[in-house]
Amino acid sequence: MTEVTKEIVDTGVVISASFKAPRELVFRAHSESELLRQWWGPEGFPVSNSTMDFRVGGTWLYSMRSAESGEEFWSKAVYHEIVVPEKIVWTDAFCDAEGKVNEEMPQGTATVTFTEQDGVTTVRSEIHYADNALRDAIVQMGMLEGMTITLNQLETLLETLKAA
């Protein structure tokens, strides 16, 4: 299992993990719908729907289905900046199946950077919300624990992709 560091910062959180994989491969796992659906989301909440238009101004609309209850949870990412294979910036929001954002739920802007040194790629995600109360609401929903599980699933996928 990869070590995941988590830090609460003003209006946001910073989550970092390192992987023994080339930066280009780790970036692909973040930018291709078919790969994302294999690792994104906490255990027991696999991605059940995923449509992606990976370009600035494009969106990723996806749902995660609870393995226990069958309930589906939709989210939408809107891409603001993409620098292959260095950085992705997007806004993430809860939504419905048509992509209509739920304005009552917290929305965050994520900046994810990919750096490689000696064959190890570090992924650093800095996610900010409008204020600390919204940040705290997301943290209380289990976001930090969910991201730890999610990044460990990414590590498993990267090992499989490297072996192929």
C-alpha atoms as a PDB file:
ATOM      1  CA  MET A   1       0.000   0.000   0.000  1.00  0.00           C
ATOM      2  CA  THR A   2       1.205   3.441  -0.868  1.00  0.00           C
ATOM      3  CA  GLU A   3       1.708   6.012   1.856  1.00  0.00           C
ATOM      4  CA  VAL A   4      -0.862   8.787   1.578  1.00  0.00           C
ATOM      5  CA  THR A   5      -0.219  12.078   3.358  1.00  0.00           C
ATOM      6  CA  LYS A   6      -3.139  14.338   4.205  1.00  0.00           C
ATOM      7  CA  GLU A   7      -3.090  17.886   5.474  1.00  0.00           C
ATOM      8  CA  ILE A   8      -5.874  20.323   6.319  1.00  0.00           C
ATOM      9  CA  VAL A   9      -5.052  23.824   5.010  1.00  0.00           C
ATOM     10  CA  ASP A  10      -6.992  27.076   4.908  1.00  0.00           C
ATOM     11  CA  THR A  11     -10.191  26.387   2.901  1.00  0.00           C
ATOM     12  CA  GLY A  12      -8.834  23.076   1.672  1.00  0.00           C
ATOM     13  CA  VAL A  13      -6.972  19.819   1.937  1.00  0.00           C
ATOM     14  CA  VAL A  14      -3.710  18.568   0.440  1.00  0.00           C
ATOM     15  CA  ILE A  15      -3.349  14.865  -0.336  1.00  0.00           C
ATOM     16  CA  SER A  16      -0.128  13.355  -1.682  1.00  0.00           C
ATOM     17  CA  ALA A  17       1.004   9.880  -2.651  1.00  0.00           C
ATOM     18  CA  SER A  18       3.969   8.458  -4.542  1.00  0.00           C
ATOM     19  CA  PHE A  19       3.940   5.575  -7.000  1.00  0.00           C
ATOM     20  CA  LYS A  20       6.728   3.486  -8.540  1.00  0.00           C
ATOM     21  CA  ALA A  21       5.512   4.259 -12.051  1.00  0.00           C
ATOM     22  CA  PRO A  22       6.374   6.686 -14.836  1.00  0.00           C
ATOM     23  CA  ARG A  23       4.648  10.062 -14.688  1.00  0.00           C
ATOM     24  CA  GLU A  24       3.054   9.557 -18.120  1.00  0.00           C
ATOM     25  CA  LEU A  25       1.350   6.368 -16.927  1.00  0.00           C
ATOM     26  CA  VAL A  26       0.086   7.953 -13.706  1.00  0.00           C
ATOM     27  CA  PHE A  27      -1.231  10.919 -15.706  1.00  0.00           C
ATOM     28  CA  ARG A  28      -3.007   8.543 -18.132  1.00  0.00           C
ATOM     29  CA  ALA A  29      -4.710   6.868 -15.169  1.00  0.00           C
ATOM     30  CA  HIS A  30      -6.121  10.298 -14.244  1.00  0.00           C
ATOM     31  CA  SER A  31      -7.099  11.352 -17.761  1.00  0.00           C
ATOM     32  CA  GLU A  32      -8.644   8.314 -19.462  1.00  0.00           C
ATOM     33  CA  SER A  33     -12.206   7.363 -18.535  1.00  0.00           C
ATOM     34  CA  GLU A  34     -11.654   3.612 -18.854  1.00  0.00           C
ATOM     35  CA  LEU A  35      -8.671   3.722 -16.493  1.00  0.00           C
ATOM     36  CA  LEU A  36     -10.296   6.116 -14.005  1.00  0.00           C
ATOM     37  CA  ARG A  37     -13.320   3.892 -13.584  1.00  0.00           C
ATOM     38  CA  GLN A  38     -11.003   1.055 -12.485  1.00  0.00           C
ATOM     39  CA  TRP A  39      -9.615   2.878  -9.435  1.00  0.00           C
ATOM     40  CA  TRP A  40     -11.644   6.003  -8.643  1.00  0.00           C
ATOM     41  CA  GLY A  41     -13.844   6.004  -5.555  1.00  0.00           C
ATOM     42  CA  PRO A  42     -13.712   4.354  -2.167  1.00  0.00           C
ATOM     43  CA  GLU A  43     -14.022   0.593  -1.774  1.00  0.00           C
ATOM     44  CA  GLY A  44     -17.604  -0.525  -2.157  1.00  0.00           C
ATOM     45  CA  PHE A  45     -18.467   2.441  -4.404  1.00  0.00           C
ATOM     46  CA  PRO A  46     -17.257   1.493  -7.889  1.00  0.00           C
ATOM     47  CA  VAL A  47     -17.712   3.891 -10.788  1.00  0.00           C
ATOM     48  CA  SER A  48     -20.807   2.610 -12.582  1.00  0.00           C
ATOM     49  CA  ASN A  49     -21.142   5.315 -15.269  1.00  0.00           C
ATOM     50  CA  SER A  50     -18.446   7.467 -16.798  1.00  0.00           C
ATOM     51  CA  THR A  51     -18.389   9.865 -19.731  1.00  0.00           C
ATOM     52  CA  MET A  52     -15.369  12.076 -20.227  1.00  0.00           C
ATOM     53  CA  ASP A  53     -14.372  14.927 -22.496  1.00  0.00           C
ATOM     54  CA  PHE A  54     -10.793  15.463 -21.312  1.00  0.00           C
ATOM     55  CA  ARG A  55      -9.974  18.955 -22.535  1.00  0.00           C
ATOM     56  CA  VAL A  56     -10.071  22.467 -21.077  1.00  0.00           C
ATOM     57  CA  GLY A  57     -13.786  23.261 -20.735  1.00  0.00           C
ATOM     58  CA  GLY A  58     -14.667  19.572 -21.011  1.00  0.00           C
ATOM     59  CA  THR A  59     -16.346  17.507 -18.311  1.00  0.00           C
ATOM     60  CA  TRP A  60     -16.203  14.154 -16.622  1.00  0.00           C
ATOM     61  CA  LEU A  61     -19.668  13.008 -15.537  1.00  0.00           C
ATOM     62  CA  TYR A  62     -19.640   9.866 -13.439  1.00  0.00           C
ATOM     63  CA  SER A  63     -21.534   7.950 -10.808  1.00  0.00           C
ATOM     64  CA  MET A  64     -20.481   5.658  -8.007  1.00  0.00           C
ATOM     65  CA  ARG A  65     -22.888   2.952  -6.895  1.00  0.00           C
ATOM     66  CA  SER A  66     -22.969   1.679  -3.347  1.00  0.00           C
ATOM     67  CA  ALA A  67     -22.301  -2.063  -3.453  1.00  0.00           C
ATOM     68  CA  GLU A  68     -24.321  -2.365  -0.238  1.00  0.00           C
ATOM     69  CA  SER A  69     -27.461  -0.322  -0.975  1.00  0.00           C
ATOM     70  CA  GLY A  70     -27.327   0.078  -4.762  1.00  0.00           C
ATOM     71  CA  GLU A  71     -27.760   3.847  -4.341  1.00  0.00           C
ATOM     72  CA  GLU A  72     -26.046   5.895  -7.036  1.00  0.00           C
ATOM     73  CA  PHE A  73     -24.082   9.088  -6.361  1.00  0.00           C
ATOM     74  CA  TRP A  74     -23.327  11.408  -9.306  1.00  0.00           C
ATOM     75  CA  SER A  75     -20.455  13.870  -9.653  1.00  0.00           C
ATOM     76  CA  LYS A  76     -19.236  16.206 -12.327  1.00  0.00           C
ATOM     77  CA  ALA A  77     -15.752  17.538 -12.979  1.00  0.00           C
ATOM     78  CA  VAL A  78     -15.179  20.539 -15.245  1.00  0.00           C
ATOM     79  CA  TYR A  79     -11.603  20.854 -16.518  1.00  0.00           C
ATOM     80  CA  HIS A  80     -10.007  24.312 -16.312  1.00  0.00           C
ATOM     81  CA  GLU A  81      -6.343  23.595 -17.041  1.00  0.00           C
ATOM     82  CA  ILE A  82      -4.504  20.593 -18.461  1.00  0.00           C
ATOM     83  CA  VAL A  83      -0.730  20.432 -18.871  1.00  0.00           C
ATOM     84  CA  VAL A  84       0.191  16.927 -20.084  1.00  0.00           C
ATOM     85  CA  PRO A  85       1.707  15.140 -18.067  1.00  0.00           C
ATOM     86  CA  GLU A  86       2.238  17.728 -15.315  1.00  0.00           C
ATOM     87  CA  LYS A  87      -1.031  19.168 -14.049  1.00  0.00           C
ATOM     88  CA  ILE A  88      -4.829  18.958 -14.122  1.00  0.00           C
ATOM     89  CA  VAL A  89      -7.119  21.607 -12.593  1.00  0.00           C
ATOM     90  CA  TRP A  90     -10.844  20.987 -12.287  1.00  0.00           C
ATOM     91  CA  THR A  91     -13.928  21.908 -10.310  1.00  0.00           C
ATOM     92  CA  ASP A  92     -15.697  18.957  -8.704  1.00  0.00           C
ATOM     93  CA  ALA A  93     -19.361  18.998  -7.718  1.00  0.00           C
ATOM     94  CA  PHE A  94     -22.162  16.651  -6.744  1.00  0.00           C
ATOM     95  CA  CYS A  95     -24.843  16.547  -9.426  1.00  0.00           C
ATOM     96  CA  ASP A  96     -27.677  14.523 -10.906  1.00  0.00           C
ATOM     97  CA  ALA A  97     -27.501  12.042 -13.815  1.00  0.00           C
ATOM     98  CA  GLU A  98     -27.880  14.888 -16.328  1.00  0.00           C
ATOM     99  CA  GLY A  99     -24.969  16.825 -14.807  1.00  0.00           C
ATOM    100  CA  LYS A 100     -27.066  19.498 -13.071  1.00  0.00           C
ATOM    101  CA  VAL A 101     -24.940  20.621 -10.115  1.00  0.00           C
ATOM    102  CA  ASN A 102     -26.420  20.298  -6.613  1.00  0.00           C
ATOM    103  CA  GLU A 103     -25.812  23.830  -5.311  1.00  0.00           C
ATOM    104  CA  GLU A 104     -26.550  22.727  -1.730  1.00  0.00           C
ATOM    105  CA  MET A 105     -23.485  20.472  -1.634  1.00  0.00           C
ATOM    106  CA  PRO A 106     -19.856  21.657  -1.379  1.00  0.00           C
ATOM    107  CA  GLN A 107     -17.954  22.222  -4.623  1.00  0.00           C
ATOM    108  CA  GLY A 108     -14.182  22.093  -4.707  1.00  0.00           C
ATOM    109  CA  THR A 109     -11.467  23.148  -7.101  1.00  0.00           C
ATOM    110  CA  ALA A 110      -8.674  20.591  -7.368  1.00  0.00           C
ATOM    111  CA  THR A 111      -5.158  21.202  -8.616  1.00  0.00           C
ATOM    112  CA  VAL A 112      -3.367  17.908  -9.180  1.00  0.00           C
ATOM    113  CA  THR A 113       0.330  17.907 -10.027  1.00  0.00           C
ATOM    114  CA  PHE A 114       2.494  15.011 -11.188  1.00  0.00           C
ATOM    115  CA  THR A 115       6.252  15.053 -10.549  1.00  0.00           C
ATOM    116  CA  GLU A 116       8.699  12.236 -11.242  1.00  0.00           C
ATOM    117  CA  GLN A 117      12.079  11.554  -9.747  1.00  0.00           C
ATOM    118  CA  ASP A 118      14.084   8.335 -10.161  1.00  0.00           C
ATOM    119  CA  GLY A 119      11.083   6.407 -11.511  1.00  0.00           C
ATOM    120  CA  VAL A 120       8.766   7.478  -8.674  1.00  0.00           C
ATOM    121  CA  THR A 121       5.832   9.752  -9.479  1.00  0.00           C
ATOM    122  CA  THR A 122       4.322  11.899  -6.757  1.00  0.00           C
ATOM    123  CA  VAL A 123       0.723  12.991  -7.146  1.00  0.00           C
ATOM    124  CA  ARG A 124      -0.180  16.063  -5.096  1.00  0.00           C
ATOM    125  CA  SER A 125      -3.850  17.070  -4.935  1.00  0.00           C
ATOM    126  CA  GLU A 126      -4.742  20.424  -3.432  1.00  0.00           C
ATOM    127  CA  ILE A 127      -8.499  20.896  -3.188  1.00  0.00           C
ATOM    128  CA  HIS A 128     -10.049  24.168  -2.074  1.00  0.00           C
ATOM    129  CA  TYR A 129     -13.614  25.103  -1.136  1.00  0.00           C
ATOM    130  CA  ALA A 130     -15.358  28.461  -0.768  1.00  0.00           C
ATOM    131  CA  ASP A 131     -14.725  28.448   2.997  1.00  0.00           C
ATOM    132  CA  ASN A 132     -13.551  26.317   5.904  1.00  0.00           C
ATOM    133  CA  ALA A 133     -17.097  25.228   6.806  1.00  0.00           C
ATOM    134  CA  LEU A 134     -17.509  23.597   3.375  1.00  0.00           C
ATOM    135  CA  ARG A 135     -14.053  22.038   3.652  1.00  0.00           C
ATOM    136  CA  ASP A 136     -14.995  20.636   7.062  1.00  0.00           C
ATOM    137  CA  ALA A 137     -18.282  19.255   5.682  1.00  0.00           C
ATOM    138  CA  ILE A 138     -16.404  17.317   2.984  1.00  0.00           C
ATOM    139  CA  VAL A 139     -13.859  16.026   5.498  1.00  0.00           C
ATOM    140  CA  GLN A 140     -16.699  14.865   7.782  1.00  0.00           C
ATOM    141  CA  MET A 141     -18.232  12.990   4.824  1.00  0.00           C
ATOM    142  CA  GLY A 142     -15.105  10.809   4.859  1.00  0.00           C
ATOM    143  CA  MET A 143     -13.231  12.372   1.961  1.00  0.00           C
ATOM    144  CA  LEU A 144      -9.755  11.869   3.441  1.00  0.00           C
ATOM    145  CA  GLU A 145     -10.362   8.204   4.213  1.00  0.00           C
ATOM    146  CA  GLY A 146     -11.971   7.699   0.812  1.00  0.00           C
ATOM    147  CA  MET A 147      -8.997   9.257  -0.975  1.00  0.00           C
ATOM    148  CA  THR A 148      -6.590   6.989   0.907  1.00  0.00           C
ATOM    149  CA  ILE A 149      -8.491   3.922  -0.294  1.00  0.00           C
ATOM    150  CA  THR A 150      -8.816   5.379  -3.792  1.00  0.00           C
ATOM    151  CA  LEU A 151      -5.083   6.067  -4.117  1.00  0.00           C
ATOM    152  CA  ASN A 152      -4.265   2.551  -2.939  1.00  0.00           C
ATOM    153  CA  GLN A 153      -6.566   1.252  -5.688  1.00  0.00           C
ATOM    154  CA  LEU A 154      -4.617   3.443  -8.135  1.00  0.00           C
ATOM    155  CA  GLU A 155      -1.394   1.810  -6.964  1.00  0.00           C
ATOM    156  CA  THR A 156      -2.881  -1.637  -7.691  1.00  0.00           C
ATOM    157  CA  LEU A 157      -3.961  -0.534 -11.172  1.00  0.00           C
ATOM    158  CA  LEU A 158      -0.531   0.956 -11.929  1.00  0.00           C
ATOM    159  CA  GLU A 159       1.163  -2.312 -10.939  1.00  0.00           C
ATOM    160  CA  THR A 160      -1.164  -4.174 -13.328  1.00  0.00           C
ATOM    161  CA  LEU A 161      -0.540  -1.704 -16.158  1.00  0.00           C
ATOM    162  CA  LYS A 162       3.242  -1.859 -15.669  1.00  0.00           C
ATOM    163  CA  ALA A 163       3.149  -5.683 -15.808  1.00  0.00           C
ATOM    164  CA  ALA A 164       1.141  -5.730 -19.057  1.00  0.00           C
END
